[in-house]
C-alpha atoms as a PDB file:
ATOM      1  CA  UNK A   1      43.791  38.094 -18.644  1.00  0.00           C
ATOM      2  CA  UNK A   2      39.809  39.411 -17.849  1.00  0.00           C
ATOM      3  CA  UNK A   3      38.624  38.996 -14.389  1.00  0.00           C
ATOM      4  CA  UNK A   4      35.373  37.423 -13.397  1.00  0.00           C
ATOM      5  CA  UNK A   5      32.332  39.081 -12.954  1.00  0.00           C
ATOM      6  CA  UNK A   6      30.459  38.946  -9.766  1.00  0.00           C
ATOM      7  CA  UNK A   7      26.906  40.976  -9.340  1.00  0.00           C
ATOM      8  CA  UNK A   8      25.821  42.069  -5.755  1.00  0.00           C
ATOM      9  CA  UNK A   9      21.904  42.351  -5.711  1.00  0.00           C
ATOM     10  CA  UNK A  10      21.207  43.540  -2.525  1.00  0.00           C
ATOM     11  CA  UNK A  11      19.736  46.790  -0.542  1.00  0.00           C
ATOM     12  CA  UNK A  12      21.541  46.394   2.326  1.00  0.00           C
ATOM     13  CA  UNK A  13      25.061  49.670   1.512  1.00  0.00           C
ATOM     14  CA  UNK A  14      26.358  47.443   4.446  1.00  0.00           C
ATOM     15  CA  UNK A  15      26.079  44.206   3.095  1.00  0.00           C
ATOM     16  CA  UNK A  16      27.309  45.397  -0.488  1.00  0.00           C
ATOM     17  CA  UNK A  17      30.251  47.422   0.851  1.00  0.00           C
ATOM     18  CA  UNK A  18      31.453  44.675   2.411  1.00  0.00           C
ATOM     19  CA  UNK A  19      31.481  42.624  -0.463  1.00  0.00           C
ATOM     20  CA  UNK A  20      33.168  45.317  -2.389  1.00  0.00           C
ATOM     21  CA  UNK A  21      35.569  45.344   0.006  1.00  0.00           C
ATOM     22  CA  UNK A  22      36.451  41.915  -0.290  1.00  0.00           C
ATOM     23  CA  UNK A  23      36.157  41.081  -3.597  1.00  0.00           C
ATOM     24  CA  UNK A  24      36.267  44.606  -5.716  1.00  0.00           C
ATOM     25  CA  UNK A  25      40.414  44.389  -6.268  1.00  0.00           C
ATOM     26  CA  UNK A  26      40.639  40.783  -7.465  1.00  0.00           C
ATOM     27  CA  UNK A  27      36.531  40.852  -9.336  1.00  0.00           C
ATOM     28  CA  UNK A  28      34.838  42.646 -11.767  1.00  0.00           C
ATOM     29  CA  UNK A  29      31.776  43.855  -9.227  1.00  0.00           C
ATOM     30  CA  UNK A  30      28.647  45.431 -10.255  1.00  0.00           C
ATOM     31  CA  UNK A  31      25.903  46.018  -7.507  1.00  0.00           C
ATOM     32  CA  UNK A  32      22.112  46.752  -7.629  1.00  0.00           C
ATOM     33  CA  UNK A  33      20.307  47.707  -4.815  1.00  0.00           C
ATOM     34  CA  UNK A  34      17.139  46.116  -5.713  1.00  0.00           C
ATOM     35  CA  UNK A  35      15.844  43.565  -7.397  1.00  0.00           C
ATOM     36  CA  UNK A  36      14.496  45.466 -10.259  1.00  0.00           C
ATOM     37  CA  UNK A  37      18.197  47.080 -10.987  1.00  0.00           C
ATOM     38  CA  UNK A  38      19.703  43.479 -10.878  1.00  0.00           C
ATOM     39  CA  UNK A  39      17.357  42.313 -13.387  1.00  0.00           C
ATOM     40  CA  UNK A  40      17.865  45.891 -15.685  1.00  0.00           C
ATOM     41  CA  UNK A  41      21.657  44.848 -14.964  1.00  0.00           C
ATOM     42  CA  UNK A  42      21.177  41.078 -16.253  1.00  0.00           C
ATOM     43  CA  UNK A  43      19.635  41.818 -19.471  1.00  0.00           C
ATOM     44  CA  UNK A  44      22.620  43.959 -19.928  1.00  0.00           C
ATOM     45  CA  UNK A  45      25.748  41.773 -18.940  1.00  0.00           C
ATOM     46  CA  UNK A  46      26.544  38.281 -18.045  1.00  0.00           C
ATOM     47  CA  UNK A  47      28.120  37.993 -14.732  1.00  0.00           C
ATOM     48  CA  UNK A  48      30.234  34.887 -13.786  1.00  0.00           C
ATOM     49  CA  UNK A  49      28.368  34.589 -10.171  1.00  0.00           C
ATOM     50  CA  UNK A  50      25.506  36.590  -8.580  1.00  0.00           C
ATOM     51  CA  UNK A  51      24.976  37.551  -4.507  1.00  0.00           C
ATOM     52  CA  UNK A  52      21.664  37.882  -4.375  1.00  0.00           C
ATOM     53  CA  UNK A  53      19.488  39.145  -0.853  1.00  0.00           C
ATOM     54  CA  UNK A  54      16.258  37.867  -0.829  1.00  0.00           C
ATOM     55  CA  UNK A  55      14.075  40.805   0.824  1.00  0.00           C
ATOM     56  CA  UNK A  56      14.139  43.826  -0.787  1.00  0.00           C
ATOM     57  CA  UNK A  57      10.753  45.770  -1.839  1.00  0.00           C
ATOM     58  CA  UNK A  58       8.945  45.517  -4.599  1.00  0.00           C
ATOM     59  CA  UNK A  59      10.958  42.842  -6.619  1.00  0.00           C
ATOM     60  CA  UNK A  60      12.747  40.660  -3.905  1.00  0.00           C
ATOM     61  CA  UNK A  61      15.169  37.660  -4.205  1.00  0.00           C
ATOM     62  CA  UNK A  62      12.555  34.828  -5.241  1.00  0.00           C
ATOM     63  CA  UNK A  63      12.015  36.522  -7.957  1.00  0.00           C
ATOM     64  CA  UNK A  64      14.707  37.191  -9.085  1.00  0.00           C
ATOM     65  CA  UNK A  65      15.571  33.599  -8.861  1.00  0.00           C
ATOM     66  CA  UNK A  66      12.465  32.766 -10.656  1.00  0.00           C
ATOM     67  CA  UNK A  67      13.723  35.318 -13.728  1.00  0.00           C
ATOM     68  CA  UNK A  68      16.992  34.458 -13.868  1.00  0.00           C
ATOM     69  CA  UNK A  69      15.239  30.250 -13.768  1.00  0.00           C
ATOM     70  CA  UNK A  70      12.847  31.460 -17.159  1.00  0.00           C
ATOM     71  CA  UNK A  71      15.850  32.549 -19.644  1.00  0.00           C
ATOM     72  CA  UNK A  72      18.324  29.923 -20.537  1.00  0.00           C
ATOM     73  CA  UNK A  73      21.171  32.342 -20.711  1.00  0.00           C
ATOM     74  CA  UNK A  74      20.833  33.195 -17.032  1.00  0.00           C
ATOM     75  CA  UNK A  75      20.000  29.701 -15.380  1.00  0.00           C
ATOM     76  CA  UNK A  76      22.904  28.199 -15.489  1.00  0.00           C
ATOM     77  CA  UNK A  77      25.152  31.795 -13.665  1.00  0.00           C
ATOM     78  CA  UNK A  78      25.978  30.467  -9.669  1.00  0.00           C
ATOM     79  CA  UNK A  79      23.547  32.293  -7.493  1.00  0.00           C
ATOM     80  CA  UNK A  80      24.423  32.431  -3.544  1.00  0.00           C
ATOM     81  CA  UNK A  81      21.956  34.018  -1.387  1.00  0.00           C
ATOM     82  CA  UNK A  82      23.315  36.278   1.106  1.00  0.00           C
ATOM     83  CA  UNK A  83      20.277  37.063   3.649  1.00  0.00           C
ATOM     84  CA  UNK A  84      19.329  37.909   6.889  1.00  0.00           C
ATOM     85  CA  UNK A  85      16.636  34.911   6.918  1.00  0.00           C
ATOM     86  CA  UNK A  86      17.589  31.873   8.757  1.00  0.00           C
ATOM     87  CA  UNK A  87      14.617  29.588   8.867  1.00  0.00           C
ATOM     88  CA  UNK A  88      15.671  26.488   7.050  1.00  0.00           C
ATOM     89  CA  UNK A  89      12.171  26.970   5.019  1.00  0.00           C
ATOM     90  CA  UNK A  90      13.622  30.056   3.472  1.00  0.00           C
ATOM     91  CA  UNK A  91      17.166  28.362   2.339  1.00  0.00           C
ATOM     92  CA  UNK A  92      14.885  25.610   0.994  1.00  0.00           C
ATOM     93  CA  UNK A  93      12.710  27.733  -0.693  1.00  0.00           C
ATOM     94  CA  UNK A  94      15.576  29.717  -2.239  1.00  0.00           C
ATOM     95  CA  UNK A  95      17.507  26.509  -3.500  1.00  0.00           C
ATOM     96  CA  UNK A  96      13.956  24.697  -4.710  1.00  0.00           C
ATOM     97  CA  UNK A  97      14.300  27.768  -6.737  1.00  0.00           C
ATOM     98  CA  UNK A  98      17.399  27.659  -8.350  1.00  0.00           C
ATOM     99  CA  UNK A  99      20.246  28.950  -5.881  1.00  0.00           C
ATOM    100  CA  UNK A 100      23.241  27.281  -5.663  1.00  0.00           C
ATOM    101  CA  UNK A 101      24.354  28.229  -1.891  1.00  0.00           C
ATOM    102  CA  UNK A 102      22.737  29.937   0.769  1.00  0.00           C
ATOM    103  CA  UNK A 103      24.696  31.851   3.625  1.00  0.00           C
ATOM    104  CA  UNK A 104      23.165  33.690   7.125  1.00  0.00           C
ATOM    105  CA  UNK A 105      24.154  37.105   7.512  1.00  0.00           C
ATOM    106  CA  UNK A 106      26.221  38.929   8.849  1.00  0.00           C
ATOM    107  CA  UNK A 107      28.966  37.842   6.129  1.00  0.00           C
ATOM    108  CA  UNK A 108      31.969  36.479   6.963  1.00  0.00           C
ATOM    109  CA  UNK A 109      34.937  37.412   4.692  1.00  0.00           C
ATOM    110  CA  UNK A 110      36.615  33.657   4.992  1.00  0.00           C
ATOM    111  CA  UNK A 111      32.897  32.400   3.916  1.00  0.00           C
ATOM    112  CA  UNK A 112      32.680  34.816   0.823  1.00  0.00           C
ATOM    113  CA  UNK A 113      36.499  33.387  -0.446  1.00  0.00           C
ATOM    114  CA  UNK A 114      35.707  30.067  -0.254  1.00  0.00           C
ATOM    115  CA  UNK A 115      32.083  30.694  -2.114  1.00  0.00           C
ATOM    116  CA  UNK A 116      33.984  32.729  -5.114  1.00  0.00           C
ATOM    117  CA  UNK A 117      36.652  30.045  -5.160  1.00  0.00           C
ATOM    118  CA  UNK A 118      34.381  27.408  -5.459  1.00  0.00           C
ATOM    119  CA  UNK A 119      32.312  28.676  -7.954  1.00  0.00           C
ATOM    120  CA  UNK A 120      35.313  30.534 -10.082  1.00  0.00           C
END
């Protein structure tokens, strides 16, 4: 059976490392350390789930969400924002742009596992 594909788009190596440690044994995990890098990966391969940071240089998470919604082949991929932005307006804006869920950093393994179980 083929493992589900997860794409992590985050410029924080600690967060990316934690997610890889939590998910890497059970899922096919690909990482991008920038929004631009994430978009490049999305042009080559379609993941089953995306974890997305908001605050990144050049192309931020909001711009990635807009890109995903603009392409019908990408618009239905579940996106979970993982961000240090804690204001409700940040959460509301991400959800308005198409995110399926919003989790604040620091990430908790049990929360991540529940999210993965829900979307996959």
